[in-house]
Full PDB file with SEQRES, HELIX, SHEET, SSBOND, CRYST1, ORIGX, SCALE, CONECT and MASTER records, all heavy atoms in Angstrom:
SEQRES   1 A   36  HIS ALA ASP ARG GLY GLN GLY GLN ALA GLU TYR ALA THR          
SEQRES   2 A   36  ALA LEU ASP GLU GLU VAL ALA LEU LYS PRO LYS THR ILE          
SEQRES   3 A   36  SER HIS ARG GLU ALA ALA ALA LEU PRO ILE                      
HELIX    1 AA1 ASP A   16  GLU A   18  5                                   3    
HELIX    2 AA2 HIS A   28  ALA A   32  1                                   5    
CRYST1    1.000    1.000    1.000  90.00  90.00  90.00 P 1           1          
ORIGX1      1.000000  0.000000  0.000000        0.00000                         
ORIGX2      0.000000  1.000000  0.000000        0.00000                         
ORIGX3      0.000000  0.000000  1.000000        0.00000                         
SCALE1      1.000000  0.000000  0.000000        0.00000                         
SCALE2      0.000000  1.000000  0.000000        0.00000                         
SCALE3      0.000000  0.000000  1.000000        0.00000                         
ATOM      1  N   HIS A   1      -7.740  -1.984   4.716  1.00  0.00           N  
ATOM      2  CA  HIS A   1      -8.732  -1.971   5.917  1.00  0.00           C  
ATOM      3  C   HIS A   1      -8.233  -2.698   7.124  1.00  0.00           C  
ATOM      4  O   HIS A   1      -7.525  -3.729   6.943  1.00  0.00           O  
ATOM      5  CB  HIS A   1     -10.042  -2.509   5.470  1.00  0.00           C  
ATOM      6  CG  HIS A   1     -11.021  -1.636   4.808  1.00  0.00           C  
ATOM      7  ND1 HIS A   1     -11.759  -0.722   5.440  1.00  0.00           N  
ATOM      8  CD2 HIS A   1     -11.232  -1.511   3.428  1.00  0.00           C  
ATOM      9  CE1 HIS A   1     -12.448  -0.119   4.542  1.00  0.00           C  
ATOM     10  NE2 HIS A   1     -12.207  -0.562   3.381  1.00  0.00           N  
ATOM     11  N   ALA A   2      -8.515  -2.238   8.298  1.00  0.00           N  
ATOM     12  CA  ALA A   2      -8.056  -2.863   9.586  1.00  0.00           C  
ATOM     13  C   ALA A   2      -8.405  -4.325   9.597  1.00  0.00           C  
ATOM     14  O   ALA A   2      -7.589  -5.133  10.076  1.00  0.00           O  
ATOM     15  CB  ALA A   2      -8.659  -2.154  10.719  1.00  0.00           C  
ATOM     16  N   ASP A   3      -9.557  -4.699   9.061  1.00  0.00           N  
ATOM     17  CA  ASP A   3     -10.012  -6.068   9.170  1.00  0.00           C  
ATOM     18  C   ASP A   3      -9.510  -6.909   7.975  1.00  0.00           C  
ATOM     19  O   ASP A   3      -9.830  -8.157   7.938  1.00  0.00           O  
ATOM     20  CB  ASP A   3     -11.551  -6.205   9.384  1.00  0.00           C  
ATOM     21  CG  ASP A   3     -12.361  -5.614   8.219  1.00  0.00           C  
ATOM     22  OD1 ASP A   3     -11.692  -4.897   7.303  1.00  0.00           O  
ATOM     23  OD2 ASP A   3     -13.493  -5.775   8.236  1.00  0.00           O  
ATOM     24  N   ARG A   4      -8.821  -6.277   7.064  1.00  0.00           N  
ATOM     25  CA  ARG A   4      -8.213  -7.020   5.915  1.00  0.00           C  
ATOM     26  C   ARG A   4      -6.679  -7.193   6.029  1.00  0.00           C  
ATOM     27  O   ARG A   4      -6.327  -8.361   6.095  1.00  0.00           O  
ATOM     28  CB  ARG A   4      -8.578  -6.296   4.603  1.00  0.00           C  
ATOM     29  CG  ARG A   4     -10.050  -6.388   4.145  1.00  0.00           C  
ATOM     30  CD  ARG A   4     -10.307  -5.443   3.047  1.00  0.00           C  
ATOM     31  NE  ARG A   4      -9.345  -5.562   1.919  1.00  0.00           N  
ATOM     32  CZ  ARG A   4      -9.401  -6.525   0.999  1.00  0.00           C  
ATOM     33  NH1 ARG A   4     -10.415  -7.468   1.087  1.00  0.00           N  
ATOM     34  NH2 ARG A   4      -8.570  -6.573   0.044  1.00  0.00           N  
ATOM     35  N   GLY A   5      -5.986  -6.144   6.225  1.00  0.00           N  
ATOM     36  CA  GLY A   5      -4.615  -6.228   6.421  1.00  0.00           C  
ATOM     37  C   GLY A   5      -3.841  -7.202   5.458  1.00  0.00           C  
ATOM     38  O   GLY A   5      -4.069  -7.150   4.291  1.00  0.00           O  
ATOM     39  N   GLN A   6      -2.990  -7.913   6.077  1.00  0.00           N  
ATOM     40  CA  GLN A   6      -2.196  -9.009   5.394  1.00  0.00           C  
ATOM     41  C   GLN A   6      -1.349  -8.512   4.302  1.00  0.00           C  
ATOM     42  O   GLN A   6      -1.095  -9.132   3.233  1.00  0.00           O  
ATOM     43  CB  GLN A   6      -3.174 -10.060   4.757  1.00  0.00           C  
ATOM     44  CG  GLN A   6      -4.115 -10.684   5.867  1.00  0.00           C  
ATOM     45  CD  GLN A   6      -5.001 -11.740   5.254  1.00  0.00           C  
ATOM     46  OE1 GLN A   6      -4.738 -12.887   5.121  1.00  0.00           O  
ATOM     47  NE2 GLN A   6      -6.323 -11.266   5.042  1.00  0.00           N  
ATOM     48  N   GLY A   7      -0.725  -7.310   4.562  1.00  0.00           N  
ATOM     49  CA  GLY A   7       0.157  -6.653   3.626  1.00  0.00           C  
ATOM     50  C   GLY A   7       1.582  -7.037   3.687  1.00  0.00           C  
ATOM     51  O   GLY A   7       2.287  -6.739   2.692  1.00  0.00           O  
ATOM     52  N   GLN A   8       2.061  -7.547   4.803  1.00  0.00           N  
ATOM     53  CA  GLN A   8       3.503  -7.915   4.883  1.00  0.00           C  
ATOM     54  C   GLN A   8       3.665  -9.211   4.261  1.00  0.00           C  
ATOM     55  O   GLN A   8       4.064 -10.237   5.070  1.00  0.00           O  
ATOM     56  CB  GLN A   8       3.973  -7.793   6.338  1.00  0.00           C  
ATOM     57  CG  GLN A   8       3.995  -6.447   6.870  1.00  0.00           C  
ATOM     58  CD  GLN A   8       4.445  -6.251   8.226  1.00  0.00           C  
ATOM     59  OE1 GLN A   8       5.063  -7.139   8.813  1.00  0.00           O  
ATOM     60  NE2 GLN A   8       4.190  -5.181   8.833  1.00  0.00           N  
ATOM     61  N   ALA A   9       3.590  -9.329   2.990  1.00  0.00           N  
ATOM     62  CA  ALA A   9       3.790 -10.560   2.170  1.00  0.00           C  
ATOM     63  C   ALA A   9       4.256 -10.143   0.798  1.00  0.00           C  
ATOM     64  O   ALA A   9       4.141  -8.976   0.369  1.00  0.00           O  
ATOM     65  CB  ALA A   9       2.529 -11.407   2.191  1.00  0.00           C  
ATOM     66  N   GLU A  10       4.669 -11.154  -0.023  1.00  0.00           N  
ATOM     67  CA  GLU A  10       5.127 -10.893  -1.318  1.00  0.00           C  
ATOM     68  C   GLU A  10       3.903 -10.467  -2.239  1.00  0.00           C  
ATOM     69  O   GLU A  10       4.136  -9.727  -3.236  1.00  0.00           O  
ATOM     70  CB  GLU A  10       5.865 -11.980  -1.913  1.00  0.00           C  
ATOM     71  CG  GLU A  10       7.198 -12.255  -1.210  1.00  0.00           C  
ATOM     72  CD  GLU A  10       7.922 -13.322  -1.883  1.00  0.00           C  
ATOM     73  OE1 GLU A  10       7.454 -14.496  -1.942  1.00  0.00           O  
ATOM     74  OE2 GLU A  10       9.152 -13.143  -2.376  1.00  0.00           O  
ATOM     75  N   TYR A  11       2.710 -10.896  -1.854  1.00  0.00           N  
ATOM     76  CA  TYR A  11       1.517 -10.525  -2.653  1.00  0.00           C  
ATOM     77  C   TYR A  11       0.389 -10.203  -1.610  1.00  0.00           C  
ATOM     78  O   TYR A  11       0.332 -10.855  -0.558  1.00  0.00           O  
ATOM     79  CB  TYR A  11       1.073 -11.645  -3.487  1.00  0.00           C  
ATOM     80  CG  TYR A  11       1.964 -11.822  -4.717  1.00  0.00           C  
ATOM     81  CD1 TYR A  11       3.107 -12.769  -4.616  1.00  0.00           C  
ATOM     82  CD2 TYR A  11       1.797 -11.154  -5.937  1.00  0.00           C  
ATOM     83  CE1 TYR A  11       3.928 -12.872  -5.703  1.00  0.00           C  
ATOM     84  CE2 TYR A  11       2.589 -11.311  -7.014  1.00  0.00           C  
ATOM     85  CZ  TYR A  11       3.704 -12.135  -6.902  1.00  0.00           C  
ATOM     86  OH  TYR A  11       4.492 -12.290  -7.963  1.00  0.00           O  
ATOM     87  N   ALA A  12      -0.440  -9.235  -1.954  1.00  0.00           N  
ATOM     88  CA  ALA A  12      -1.581  -8.822  -1.082  1.00  0.00           C  
ATOM     89  C   ALA A  12      -2.724  -8.383  -1.942  1.00  0.00           C  
ATOM     90  O   ALA A  12      -2.459  -7.742  -2.978  1.00  0.00           O  
ATOM     91  CB  ALA A  12      -1.206  -7.706  -0.012  1.00  0.00           C  
ATOM     92  N   THR A  13      -3.934  -8.698  -1.564  1.00  0.00           N  
ATOM     93  CA  THR A  13      -5.094  -8.157  -2.295  1.00  0.00           C  
ATOM     94  C   THR A  13      -5.627  -6.871  -1.692  1.00  0.00           C  
ATOM     95  O   THR A  13      -5.358  -6.641  -0.466  1.00  0.00           O  
ATOM     96  CB  THR A  13      -6.215  -9.293  -2.200  1.00  0.00           C  
ATOM     97  OG1 THR A  13      -6.589  -9.504  -0.874  1.00  0.00           O  
ATOM     98  CG2 THR A  13      -5.906 -10.424  -2.905  1.00  0.00           C  
ATOM     99  N   ALA A  14      -6.175  -6.020  -2.476  1.00  0.00           N  
ATOM    100  CA  ALA A  14      -6.706  -4.759  -2.127  1.00  0.00           C  
ATOM    101  C   ALA A  14      -7.917  -4.320  -2.804  1.00  0.00           C  
ATOM    102  O   ALA A  14      -8.171  -4.967  -3.880  1.00  0.00           O  
ATOM    103  CB  ALA A  14      -5.552  -3.669  -2.316  1.00  0.00           C  
ATOM    104  N   LEU A  15      -8.711  -3.505  -2.286  1.00  0.00           N  
ATOM    105  CA  LEU A  15      -9.859  -2.958  -2.825  1.00  0.00           C  
ATOM    106  C   LEU A  15      -9.564  -1.562  -3.514  1.00  0.00           C  
ATOM    107  O   LEU A  15      -8.574  -0.922  -3.066  1.00  0.00           O  
ATOM    108  CB  LEU A  15     -10.988  -2.821  -1.859  1.00  0.00           C  
ATOM    109  CG  LEU A  15     -11.543  -4.124  -1.187  1.00  0.00           C  
ATOM    110  CD1 LEU A  15     -12.530  -3.798  -0.010  1.00  0.00           C  
ATOM    111  CD2 LEU A  15     -12.193  -4.952  -2.218  1.00  0.00           C  
ATOM    112  N   ASP A  16     -10.436  -1.131  -4.416  1.00  0.00           N  
ATOM    113  CA  ASP A  16     -10.086   0.043  -5.172  1.00  0.00           C  
ATOM    114  C   ASP A  16     -10.003   1.286  -4.207  1.00  0.00           C  
ATOM    115  O   ASP A  16      -9.158   2.100  -4.414  1.00  0.00           O  
ATOM    116  CB  ASP A  16     -11.228   0.263  -6.174  1.00  0.00           C  
ATOM    117  CG  ASP A  16     -10.805   1.143  -7.300  1.00  0.00           C  
ATOM    118  OD1 ASP A  16      -9.680   1.147  -7.780  1.00  0.00           O  
ATOM    119  OD2 ASP A  16     -11.609   1.981  -7.735  1.00  0.00           O  
ATOM    120  N   GLU A  17     -10.793   1.283  -3.153  1.00  0.00           N  
ATOM    121  CA  GLU A  17     -10.815   2.412  -2.285  1.00  0.00           C  
ATOM    122  C   GLU A  17      -9.597   2.538  -1.451  1.00  0.00           C  
ATOM    123  O   GLU A  17      -9.282   3.503  -0.809  1.00  0.00           O  
ATOM    124  CB  GLU A  17     -11.997   2.327  -1.333  1.00  0.00           C  
ATOM    125  CG  GLU A  17     -11.964   1.114  -0.324  1.00  0.00           C  
ATOM    126  CD  GLU A  17     -13.380   0.735   0.107  1.00  0.00           C  
ATOM    127  OE1 GLU A  17     -14.265   0.504  -0.736  1.00  0.00           O  
ATOM    128  OE2 GLU A  17     -13.553   0.684   1.279  1.00  0.00           O  
ATOM    129  N   GLU A  18      -8.803   1.452  -1.396  1.00  0.00           N  
ATOM    130  CA  GLU A  18      -7.592   1.329  -0.594  1.00  0.00           C  
ATOM    131  C   GLU A  18      -6.326   1.748  -1.255  1.00  0.00           C  
ATOM    132  O   GLU A  18      -5.240   1.906  -0.738  1.00  0.00           O  
ATOM    133  CB  GLU A  18      -7.507  -0.169  -0.038  1.00  0.00           C  
ATOM    134  CG  GLU A  18      -8.583  -0.674   0.777  1.00  0.00           C  
ATOM    135  CD  GLU A  18      -8.503  -2.054   1.109  1.00  0.00           C  
ATOM    136  OE1 GLU A  18      -7.913  -2.842   0.347  1.00  0.00           O  
ATOM    137  OE2 GLU A  18      -8.954  -2.473   2.173  1.00  0.00           O  
ATOM    138  N   VAL A  19      -6.401   1.918  -2.626  1.00  0.00           N  
ATOM    139  CA  VAL A  19      -5.173   1.961  -3.480  1.00  0.00           C  
ATOM    140  C   VAL A  19      -5.150   3.283  -4.249  1.00  0.00           C  
ATOM    141  O   VAL A  19      -6.202   3.756  -4.780  1.00  0.00           O  
ATOM    142  CB  VAL A  19      -5.212   0.824  -4.482  1.00  0.00           C  
ATOM    143  CG1 VAL A  19      -3.885   0.827  -5.266  1.00  0.00           C  
ATOM    144  CG2 VAL A  19      -5.447  -0.597  -3.819  1.00  0.00           C  
ATOM    145  N   ALA A  20      -4.002   3.893  -4.383  1.00  0.00           N  
ATOM    146  CA  ALA A  20      -3.767   4.970  -5.180  1.00  0.00           C  
ATOM    147  C   ALA A  20      -2.547   4.853  -5.916  1.00  0.00           C  
ATOM    148  O   ALA A  20      -1.628   4.029  -5.480  1.00  0.00           O  
ATOM    149  CB  ALA A  20      -3.816   6.270  -4.359  1.00  0.00           C  
ATOM    150  N   LEU A  21      -2.284   5.568  -7.086  1.00  0.00           N  
ATOM    151  CA  LEU A  21      -1.033   5.592  -7.764  1.00  0.00           C  
ATOM    152  C   LEU A  21       0.075   6.104  -6.855  1.00  0.00           C  
ATOM    153  O   LEU A  21      -0.136   7.114  -6.207  1.00  0.00           O  
ATOM    154  CB  LEU A  21      -1.123   6.348  -9.021  1.00  0.00           C  
ATOM    155  CG  LEU A  21      -2.026   5.783 -10.086  1.00  0.00           C  
ATOM    156  CD1 LEU A  21      -2.083   6.800 -11.334  1.00  0.00           C  
ATOM    157  CD2 LEU A  21      -1.632   4.394 -10.612  1.00  0.00           C  
ATOM    158  N   LYS A  22       1.184   5.468  -6.779  1.00  0.00           N  
ATOM    159  CA  LYS A  22       2.349   5.854  -5.996  1.00  0.00           C  
ATOM    160  C   LYS A  22       2.908   7.213  -6.486  1.00  0.00           C  
ATOM    161  O   LYS A  22       2.858   7.436  -7.694  1.00  0.00           O  
ATOM    162  CB  LYS A  22       3.437   4.777  -6.004  1.00  0.00           C  
ATOM    163  CG  LYS A  22       4.650   5.108  -5.234  1.00  0.00           C  
ATOM    164  CD  LYS A  22       5.718   3.977  -5.437  1.00  0.00           C  
ATOM    165  CE  LYS A  22       6.420   4.165  -6.911  1.00  0.00           C  
ATOM    166  NZ  LYS A  22       7.239   5.369  -6.841  1.00  0.00           N  
ATOM    167  N   PRO A  23       3.257   8.059  -5.560  1.00  0.00           N  
ATOM    168  CA  PRO A  23       3.980   9.306  -5.979  1.00  0.00           C  
ATOM    169  C   PRO A  23       5.157   8.871  -6.825  1.00  0.00           C  
ATOM    170  O   PRO A  23       5.973   7.978  -6.568  1.00  0.00           O  
ATOM    171  CB  PRO A  23       4.494   9.892  -4.698  1.00  0.00           C  
ATOM    172  CG  PRO A  23       3.539   9.404  -3.634  1.00  0.00           C  
ATOM    173  CD  PRO A  23       3.232   8.007  -4.110  1.00  0.00           C  
ATOM    174  N   LYS A  24       5.395   9.555  -8.009  1.00  0.00           N  
ATOM    175  CA  LYS A  24       6.334   9.235  -8.974  1.00  0.00           C  
ATOM    176  C   LYS A  24       7.846   9.507  -8.592  1.00  0.00           C  
ATOM    177  O   LYS A  24       8.703   8.963  -9.078  1.00  0.00           O  
ATOM    178  CB  LYS A  24       6.017   9.860 -10.379  1.00  0.00           C  
ATOM    179  CG  LYS A  24       4.717   9.452 -10.917  1.00  0.00           C  
ATOM    180  CD  LYS A  24       4.380  10.303 -12.217  1.00  0.00           C  
ATOM    181  CE  LYS A  24       3.057   9.936 -12.815  1.00  0.00           C  
ATOM    182  NZ  LYS A  24       2.733  10.706 -14.000  1.00  0.00           N  
ATOM    183  N   THR A  25       7.885  10.500  -7.640  1.00  0.00           N  
ATOM    184  CA  THR A  25       9.267  10.962  -7.378  1.00  0.00           C  
ATOM    185  C   THR A  25       9.876  10.272  -6.183  1.00  0.00           C  
ATOM    186  O   THR A  25      10.985  10.619  -5.779  1.00  0.00           O  
ATOM    187  CB  THR A  25       9.153  12.465  -7.007  1.00  0.00           C  
ATOM    188  OG1 THR A  25       8.147  12.665  -6.055  1.00  0.00           O  
ATOM    189  CG2 THR A  25       8.750  13.208  -8.229  1.00  0.00           C  
ATOM    190  N   ILE A  26       9.193   9.218  -5.647  1.00  0.00           N  
ATOM    191  CA  ILE A  26       9.737   8.537  -4.459  1.00  0.00           C  
ATOM    192  C   ILE A  26       9.779   7.084  -4.770  1.00  0.00           C  
ATOM    193  O   ILE A  26       9.151   6.557  -5.657  1.00  0.00           O  
ATOM    194  CB  ILE A  26       8.983   8.854  -3.236  1.00  0.00           C  
ATOM    195  CG1 ILE A  26       7.540   8.261  -3.231  1.00  0.00           C  
ATOM    196  CG2 ILE A  26       9.009  10.381  -2.908  1.00  0.00           C  
ATOM    197  CD1 ILE A  26       6.829   8.424  -1.932  1.00  0.00           C  
ATOM    198  N   SER A  27      10.565   6.316  -3.908  1.00  0.00           N  
ATOM    199  CA  SER A  27      10.717   4.932  -4.095  1.00  0.00           C  
ATOM    200  C   SER A  27       9.523   4.066  -3.417  1.00  0.00           C  
ATOM    201  O   SER A  27       8.814   4.691  -2.644  1.00  0.00           O  
ATOM    202  CB  SER A  27      11.981   4.462  -3.490  1.00  0.00           C  
ATOM    203  OG  SER A  27      12.015   4.643  -2.005  1.00  0.00           O  
ATOM    204  N   HIS A  28       9.439   2.894  -3.732  1.00  0.00           N  
ATOM    205  CA  HIS A  28       8.590   2.070  -2.888  1.00  0.00           C  
ATOM    206  C   HIS A  28       8.861   1.966  -1.525  1.00  0.00           C  
ATOM    207  O   HIS A  28       7.842   1.950  -0.704  1.00  0.00           O  
ATOM    208  CB  HIS A  28       8.529   0.608  -3.552  1.00  0.00           C  
ATOM    209  CG  HIS A  28       7.875   0.430  -4.932  1.00  0.00           C  
ATOM    210  ND1 HIS A  28       6.542   0.620  -5.078  1.00  0.00           N  
ATOM    211  CD2 HIS A  28       8.501   0.165  -6.143  1.00  0.00           C  
ATOM    212  CE1 HIS A  28       6.254   0.421  -6.373  1.00  0.00           C  
ATOM    213  NE2 HIS A  28       7.374   0.230  -7.021  1.00  0.00           N  
ATOM    214  N   ARG A  29      10.061   1.963  -1.101  1.00  0.00           N  
ATOM    215  CA  ARG A  29      10.445   1.999   0.275  1.00  0.00           C  
ATOM    216  C   ARG A  29       9.818   3.235   0.982  1.00  0.00           C  
ATOM    217  O   ARG A  29       9.224   3.105   2.038  1.00  0.00           O  
ATOM    218  CB  ARG A  29      11.958   2.170   0.411  1.00  0.00           C  
ATOM    219  CG  ARG A  29      12.731   0.948  -0.044  1.00  0.00           C  
ATOM    220  CD  ARG A  29      14.213   1.300   0.072  1.00  0.00           C  
ATOM    221  NE  ARG A  29      15.155   0.102   0.043  1.00  0.00           N  
ATOM    222  CZ  ARG A  29      16.423   0.156   0.301  1.00  0.00           C  
ATOM    223  NH1 ARG A  29      17.023   1.347   0.623  1.00  0.00           N  
ATOM    224  NH2 ARG A  29      17.166  -0.963   0.216  1.00  0.00           N  
ATOM    225  N   GLU A  30       9.959   4.407   0.397  1.00  0.00           N  
ATOM    226  CA  GLU A  30       9.388   5.708   0.947  1.00  0.00           C  
ATOM    227  C   GLU A  30       7.870   5.638   0.899  1.00  0.00           C  
ATOM    228  O   GLU A  30       7.212   6.046   1.866  1.00  0.00           O  
ATOM    229  CB  GLU A  30       9.908   6.813   0.222  1.00  0.00           C  
ATOM    230  CG  GLU A  30      11.464   7.004   0.384  1.00  0.00           C  
ATOM    231  CD  GLU A  30      11.979   8.046  -0.596  1.00  0.00           C  
ATOM    232  OE1 GLU A  30      11.793   7.901  -1.816  1.00  0.00           O  
ATOM    233  OE2 GLU A  30      12.682   8.921  -0.193  1.00  0.00           O  
ATOM    234  N   ALA A  31       7.360   5.076  -0.178  1.00  0.00           N  
ATOM    235  CA  ALA A  31       5.925   5.113  -0.274  1.00  0.00           C  
ATOM    236  C   ALA A  31       5.182   4.170   0.752  1.00  0.00           C  
ATOM    237  O   ALA A  31       4.117   4.550   1.201  1.00  0.00           O  
ATOM    238  CB  ALA A  31       5.424   4.717  -1.719  1.00  0.00           C  
ATOM    239  N   ALA A  32       5.827   3.062   1.093  1.00  0.00           N  
ATOM    240  CA  ALA A  32       5.326   2.083   2.032  1.00  0.00           C  
ATOM    241  C   ALA A  32       5.137   2.760   3.440  1.00  0.00           C  
ATOM    242  O   ALA A  32       4.377   2.219   4.196  1.00  0.00           O  
ATOM    243  CB  ALA A  32       6.098   0.850   2.047  1.00  0.00           C  
ATOM    244  N   ALA A  33       6.021   3.733   3.714  1.00  0.00           N  
ATOM    245  CA  ALA A  33       5.898   4.433   5.043  1.00  0.00           C  
ATOM    246  C   ALA A  33       4.753   5.452   5.113  1.00  0.00           C  
ATOM    247  O   ALA A  33       4.498   5.869   6.193  1.00  0.00           O  
ATOM    248  CB  ALA A  33       7.221   5.199   5.259  1.00  0.00           C  
ATOM    249  N   LEU A  34       4.063   5.735   4.003  1.00  0.00           N  
ATOM    250  CA  LEU A  34       3.195   6.838   4.020  1.00  0.00           C  
ATOM    251  C   LEU A  34       1.684   6.720   4.278  1.00  0.00           C  
ATOM    252  O   LEU A  34       1.092   7.551   4.887  1.00  0.00           O  
ATOM    253  CB  LEU A  34       3.274   7.551   2.667  1.00  0.00           C  
ATOM    254  CG  LEU A  34       4.669   8.320   2.404  1.00  0.00           C  
ATOM    255  CD1 LEU A  34       4.596   8.793   0.917  1.00  0.00           C  
ATOM    256  CD2 LEU A  34       4.684   9.500   3.315  1.00  0.00           C  
ATOM    257  N   PRO A  35       1.063   5.595   3.928  1.00  0.00           N  
ATOM    258  CA  PRO A  35      -0.423   5.567   3.862  1.00  0.00           C  
ATOM    259  C   PRO A  35      -1.124   5.933   5.200  1.00  0.00           C  
ATOM    260  O   PRO A  35      -2.015   6.732   5.287  1.00  0.00           O  
ATOM    261  CB  PRO A  35      -0.752   4.191   3.371  1.00  0.00           C  
ATOM    262  CG  PRO A  35       0.428   3.847   2.447  1.00  0.00           C  
ATOM    263  CD  PRO A  35       1.588   4.378   3.183  1.00  0.00           C  
ATOM    264  N   ILE A  36      -0.681   5.209   6.279  1.00  0.00           N  
ATOM    265  CA  ILE A  36      -1.293   5.458   7.559  1.00  0.00           C  
ATOM    266  C   ILE A  36      -1.140   6.891   8.058  1.00  0.00           C  
ATOM    267  O   ILE A  36      -2.091   7.539   8.484  1.00  0.00           O  
ATOM    268  CB  ILE A  36      -1.012   4.404   8.564  1.00  0.00           C  
ATOM    269  CG1 ILE A  36      -1.697   3.103   8.273  1.00  0.00           C  
ATOM    270  CG2 ILE A  36      -1.430   4.891   9.996  1.00  0.00           C  
ATOM    271  CD1 ILE A  36      -1.347   1.963   9.270  1.00  0.00           C  
TER     272      ILE A  36                                                      
MASTER        0    0    0    2    0    0    0    6  271    1    0    3          
END                                                                             
């Protein structure tokens, strides 16, 4: 969420509605570019 953020860290908290299983066929690098 815009008012939560704080994702550029080694650990971050998230709510269920913010999270989905990563596509299996791509890397974390590629997946991090996708959500917005």
